[in-house]
Each structure stands twice: as structure tokens, then as C-alpha cells.
Amino acid sequence: MSRGLNKVMIIGNLGRDPEMRFTPSSRPVTTFSVAVSRSWKSPNGDHRSETEWFKVVAWGKLAEICNEYLKKGQQVYIEGRLKTRQWEDKEGLKHSTVELIANEMTMLGDRRTKTQEEDSSVEDAPPDIDEDEFPF
């Protein structure tokens, strides 16, 4: 039997502040959206661009860190895997969505929060998350 590979790496900006919830078993889960833009020049010389939106889901300690340190507009690197989630609504209609299940997050750009801007002696946010801590 051969092994597959499902690995995604994106760099983009948060479209909204993260939202953290807890499962019935009290496991934290944080969701947020990330916009990834690309631009190119068309064959006739026009500048083109497009933005792709990713729904990101983080679990456990990574969920807590994302909720605490990430803010709307912030640039972030996310590494993880894609998962398609399907459900049926109250009217019986079937829906599906593709989510990026994060196992690593790195804040890019300016990492300082408002309290850190006021007190420059406060250290930056925690270092990168080791994906071995989160077995998915």
C-alpha cells in the first residue's frame, strides 16, 4: 500500500479575528480565515490579481496560541492539511466545505501587541509551534 501526502503551506493575512470554542470534551478549537493573494501579468501586459480565502482550524494548544496572538489583518504562515467537512442542514440539504487543519503557525511581520508597543521590554510572542506536539 502506498502512502499519500496532504500538506498545505500558505502565507496570507487574517480576514477576521480568530474565534475559539470548546468541544463537549473541553478541547479548544480556534477558527479564522486567511486571504492569500497572488498577482501576475497577462499575455497582453495587464496586471492581474486574485485572492483565495482559506478557512483555518487549529486544535489544542495551537488553538489557544492562535486565539491569543493573532488579529485581523496580521500576516501569518500556516502549515497543515486539507480536510473536507460535510453536513446536512435542517432542511436536509447537503453542504461541504474545505478547511485547512493547522499543525504549525508562524506570525510574520509586526508581532507586537498594543501592550508590547507600550513596554518594549516585553518579549515577542512564543516561538514557532512544533508540529510533533500536535498529532493529527
C-alpha atoms as a PDB file:
ATOM      1  CA  MET A   1       0.000   0.000   0.000  1.00  0.00           C
ATOM      2  CA  SER A   2       1.392   3.408  -0.953  1.00  0.00           C
ATOM      3  CA  ARG A   3       1.278   6.482   1.276  1.00  0.00           C
ATOM      4  CA  GLY A   4      -0.289   9.748   0.214  1.00  0.00           C
ATOM      5  CA  LEU A   5       0.626  13.304   1.011  1.00  0.00           C
ATOM      6  CA  ASN A   6      -1.740  16.045   2.151  1.00  0.00           C
ATOM      7  CA  LYS A   7       0.349  19.084   3.091  1.00  0.00           C
ATOM      8  CA  VAL A   8      -0.501  22.742   2.611  1.00  0.00           C
ATOM      9  CA  MET A   9       1.612  25.837   3.282  1.00  0.00           C
ATOM     10  CA  ILE A  10       0.150  29.323   2.961  1.00  0.00           C
ATOM     11  CA  ILE A  11       1.216  32.883   3.734  1.00  0.00           C
ATOM     12  CA  GLY A  12      -1.558  35.424   3.927  1.00  0.00           C
ATOM     13  CA  ASN A  13      -3.461  37.894   6.073  1.00  0.00           C
ATOM     14  CA  LEU A  14      -6.182  37.160   8.600  1.00  0.00           C
ATOM     15  CA  GLY A  15      -9.588  38.210   7.349  1.00  0.00           C
ATOM     16  CA  ARG A  16     -11.062  38.383  10.858  1.00  0.00           C
ATOM     17  CA  ASP A  17     -10.041  37.883  14.467  1.00  0.00           C
ATOM     18  CA  PRO A  18      -9.833  34.200  15.484  1.00  0.00           C
ATOM     19  CA  GLU A  19     -12.805  32.651  17.289  1.00  0.00           C
ATOM     20  CA  MET A  20     -12.165  29.997  19.936  1.00  0.00           C
ATOM     21  CA  ARG A  21     -14.741  27.446  21.091  1.00  0.00           C
ATOM     22  CA  PHE A  22     -14.562  24.250  23.101  1.00  0.00           C
ATOM     23  CA  THR A  23     -15.737  20.784  22.162  1.00  0.00           C
ATOM     24  CA  PRO A  24     -18.063  18.934  24.576  1.00  0.00           C
ATOM     25  CA  SER A  25     -14.915  17.272  25.960  1.00  0.00           C
ATOM     26  CA  SER A  26     -13.405  20.757  26.637  1.00  0.00           C
ATOM     27  CA  ARG A  27     -10.838  20.591  23.819  1.00  0.00           C
ATOM     28  CA  PRO A  28     -10.128  24.101  22.427  1.00  0.00           C
ATOM     29  CA  VAL A  29     -10.666  24.747  18.717  1.00  0.00           C
ATOM     30  CA  THR A  30      -9.980  28.081  17.003  1.00  0.00           C
ATOM     31  CA  THR A  31     -11.165  29.084  13.535  1.00  0.00           C
ATOM     32  CA  PHE A  32     -10.183  32.009  11.347  1.00  0.00           C
ATOM     33  CA  SER A  33      -9.891  32.934   7.677  1.00  0.00           C
ATOM     34  CA  VAL A  34      -6.718  33.748   5.770  1.00  0.00           C
ATOM     35  CA  ALA A  35      -6.604  35.625   2.453  1.00  0.00           C
ATOM     36  CA  VAL A  36      -3.792  34.651   0.100  1.00  0.00           C
ATOM     37  CA  SER A  37      -3.281  36.957  -2.866  1.00  0.00           C
ATOM     38  CA  ARG A  38      -1.264  36.484  -6.000  1.00  0.00           C
ATOM     39  CA  SER A  39      -0.618  38.786  -8.929  1.00  0.00           C
ATOM     40  CA  TRP A  40       0.732  38.314 -12.414  1.00  0.00           C
ATOM     41  CA  LYS A  41       0.998  39.996 -15.782  1.00  0.00           C
ATOM     42  CA  SER A  42      -1.340  38.732 -18.513  1.00  0.00           C
ATOM     43  CA  PRO A  43      -0.014  37.992 -22.026  1.00  0.00           C
ATOM     44  CA  ASN A  44      -1.256  41.417 -23.193  1.00  0.00           C
ATOM     45  CA  GLY A  45       0.597  43.156 -20.336  1.00  0.00           C
ATOM     46  CA  ASP A  46      -2.304  43.806 -17.954  1.00  0.00           C
ATOM     47  CA  HIS A  47      -1.631  43.399 -14.260  1.00  0.00           C
ATOM     48  CA  ARG A  48      -3.964  40.811 -12.750  1.00  0.00           C
ATOM     49  CA  SER A  49      -4.508  39.625  -9.212  1.00  0.00           C
ATOM     50  CA  GLU A  50      -6.741  37.232  -7.322  1.00  0.00           C
ATOM     51  CA  THR A  51      -7.330  36.365  -3.699  1.00  0.00           C
ATOM     52  CA  GLU A  52      -8.035  32.878  -2.392  1.00  0.00           C
ATOM     53  CA  TRP A  53      -9.656  32.513   1.056  1.00  0.00           C
ATOM     54  CA  PHE A  54      -8.801  29.626   3.369  1.00  0.00           C
ATOM     55  CA  LYS A  55     -10.826  28.516   6.391  1.00  0.00           C
ATOM     56  CA  VAL A  56      -8.248  27.564   9.045  1.00  0.00           C
ATOM     57  CA  VAL A  57      -8.928  25.313  12.050  1.00  0.00           C
ATOM     58  CA  ALA A  58      -6.442  24.901  14.913  1.00  0.00           C
ATOM     59  CA  TRP A  59      -6.838  22.466  17.827  1.00  0.00           C
ATOM     60  CA  GLY A  60      -5.447  22.157  21.359  1.00  0.00           C
ATOM     61  CA  LYS A  61      -2.540  24.341  22.459  1.00  0.00           C
ATOM     62  CA  LEU A  62      -2.138  25.741  18.933  1.00  0.00           C
ATOM     63  CA  ALA A  63      -5.794  26.861  19.065  1.00  0.00           C
ATOM     64  CA  GLU A  64      -5.112  28.736  22.310  1.00  0.00           C
ATOM     65  CA  ILE A  65      -1.993  30.415  20.889  1.00  0.00           C
ATOM     66  CA  CYS A  66      -3.766  31.455  17.659  1.00  0.00           C
ATOM     67  CA  ASN A  67      -6.667  32.899  19.648  1.00  0.00           C
ATOM     68  CA  GLU A  68      -4.370  34.856  21.948  1.00  0.00           C
ATOM     69  CA  TYR A  69      -1.827  36.250  19.478  1.00  0.00           C
ATOM     70  CA  LEU A  70      -3.470  36.545  16.038  1.00  0.00           C
ATOM     71  CA  LYS A  71      -5.517  39.567  14.964  1.00  0.00           C
ATOM     72  CA  LYS A  72      -7.413  40.625  11.845  1.00  0.00           C
ATOM     73  CA  GLY A  73      -5.063  41.883   9.109  1.00  0.00           C
ATOM     74  CA  GLN A  74      -1.960  40.195  10.534  1.00  0.00           C
ATOM     75  CA  GLN A  75       0.301  38.293   8.154  1.00  0.00           C
ATOM     76  CA  VAL A  76       0.759  34.636   9.079  1.00  0.00           C
ATOM     77  CA  TYR A  77       2.340  31.421   7.803  1.00  0.00           C
ATOM     78  CA  ILE A  78       0.135  28.345   8.271  1.00  0.00           C
ATOM     79  CA  GLU A  79       1.129  24.763   7.593  1.00  0.00           C
ATOM     80  CA  GLY A  80      -1.260  21.844   7.786  1.00  0.00           C
ATOM     81  CA  ARG A  81      -3.523  19.571   5.773  1.00  0.00           C
ATOM     82  CA  LEU A  82      -6.788  19.984   3.851  1.00  0.00           C
ATOM     83  CA  LYS A  83      -9.944  18.319   5.145  1.00  0.00           C
ATOM     84  CA  THR A  84     -13.387  18.301   3.551  1.00  0.00           C
ATOM     85  CA  ARG A  85     -16.181  18.503   6.094  1.00  0.00           C
ATOM     86  CA  GLN A  86     -19.737  17.565   5.111  1.00  0.00           C
ATOM     87  CA  TRP A  87     -23.033  18.101   6.919  1.00  0.00           C
ATOM     88  CA  GLU A  88     -26.751  18.210   6.346  1.00  0.00           C
ATOM     89  CA  ASP A  89     -28.819  21.241   7.376  1.00  0.00           C
ATOM     90  CA  LYS A  90     -32.274  21.276   8.997  1.00  0.00           C
ATOM     91  CA  GLU A  91     -33.973  21.209   5.591  1.00  0.00           C
ATOM     92  CA  GLY A  92     -31.996  18.117   4.566  1.00  0.00           C
ATOM     93  CA  LEU A  93     -29.705  19.947   2.134  1.00  0.00           C
ATOM     94  CA  LYS A  94     -26.147  18.616   1.993  1.00  0.00           C
ATOM     95  CA  HIS A  95     -23.244  21.030   2.356  1.00  0.00           C
ATOM     96  CA  SER A  96     -19.475  20.697   2.278  1.00  0.00           C
ATOM     97  CA  THR A  97     -16.515  22.930   2.962  1.00  0.00           C
ATOM     98  CA  VAL A  98     -12.758  22.531   2.703  1.00  0.00           C
ATOM     99  CA  GLU A  99     -10.745  23.518   5.778  1.00  0.00           C
ATOM    100  CA  LEU A 100      -7.033  23.832   6.399  1.00  0.00           C
ATOM    101  CA  ILE A 101      -6.313  21.918   9.611  1.00  0.00           C
ATOM    102  CA  ALA A 102      -3.298  23.764  11.013  1.00  0.00           C
ATOM    103  CA  ASN A 103      -0.418  21.986  12.736  1.00  0.00           C
ATOM    104  CA  GLU A 104       2.056  24.880  12.570  1.00  0.00           C
ATOM    105  CA  MET A 105       1.679  28.652  12.725  1.00  0.00           C
ATOM    106  CA  THR A 106       4.276  31.411  12.455  1.00  0.00           C
ATOM    107  CA  MET A 107       3.406  35.071  12.879  1.00  0.00           C
ATOM    108  CA  LEU A 108       5.009  37.265  10.211  1.00  0.00           C
ATOM    109  CA  GLY A 109       5.511  40.986  10.015  1.00  0.00           C
ATOM    110  CA  ASP A 110       4.959  43.012  13.179  1.00  0.00           C
ATOM    111  CA  ARG A 111       4.267  40.617  16.062  1.00  0.00           C
ATOM    112  CA  ARG A 112       3.888  43.284  18.736  1.00  0.00           C
ATOM    113  CA  THR A 113       0.569  43.703  20.532  1.00  0.00           C
ATOM    114  CA  LYS A 114      -0.607  47.032  21.974  1.00  0.00           C
ATOM    115  CA  THR A 115       0.772  46.229  25.417  1.00  0.00           C
ATOM    116  CA  GLN A 116       4.090  45.257  23.864  1.00  0.00           C
ATOM    117  CA  GLU A 117       4.215  48.541  21.937  1.00  0.00           C
ATOM    118  CA  GLU A 118       3.862  50.430  25.217  1.00  0.00           C
ATOM    119  CA  ASP A 119       6.503  48.324  27.021  1.00  0.00           C
ATOM    120  CA  SER A 120       9.384  47.438  24.693  1.00  0.00           C
ATOM    121  CA  SER A 121      10.923  45.195  27.357  1.00  0.00           C
ATOM    122  CA  VAL A 122       8.204  42.560  26.809  1.00  0.00           C
ATOM    123  CA  GLU A 123       9.455  39.697  24.648  1.00  0.00           C
ATOM    124  CA  ASP A 124       7.873  38.767  21.335  1.00  0.00           C
ATOM    125  CA  ALA A 125       5.182  36.116  21.092  1.00  0.00           C
ATOM    126  CA  PRO A 126       6.136  32.462  21.627  1.00  0.00           C
ATOM    127  CA  PRO A 127       8.348  30.679  19.096  1.00  0.00           C
ATOM    128  CA  ASP A 128       7.010  28.502  16.285  1.00  0.00           C
ATOM    129  CA  ILE A 129       4.858  25.564  17.245  1.00  0.00           C
ATOM    130  CA  ASP A 130       6.487  22.155  16.882  1.00  0.00           C
ATOM    131  CA  GLU A 131       4.114  20.065  14.751  1.00  0.00           C
ATOM    132  CA  ASP A 132       5.165  16.920  16.672  1.00  0.00           C
ATOM    133  CA  GLU A 133       3.254  18.315  19.667  1.00  0.00           C
ATOM    134  CA  PHE A 134       0.006  18.012  17.726  1.00  0.00           C
ATOM    135  CA  PRO A 135      -0.570  14.531  16.265  1.00  0.00           C
ATOM    136  CA  PHE A 136      -3.333  14.870  13.642  1.00  0.00           C
END
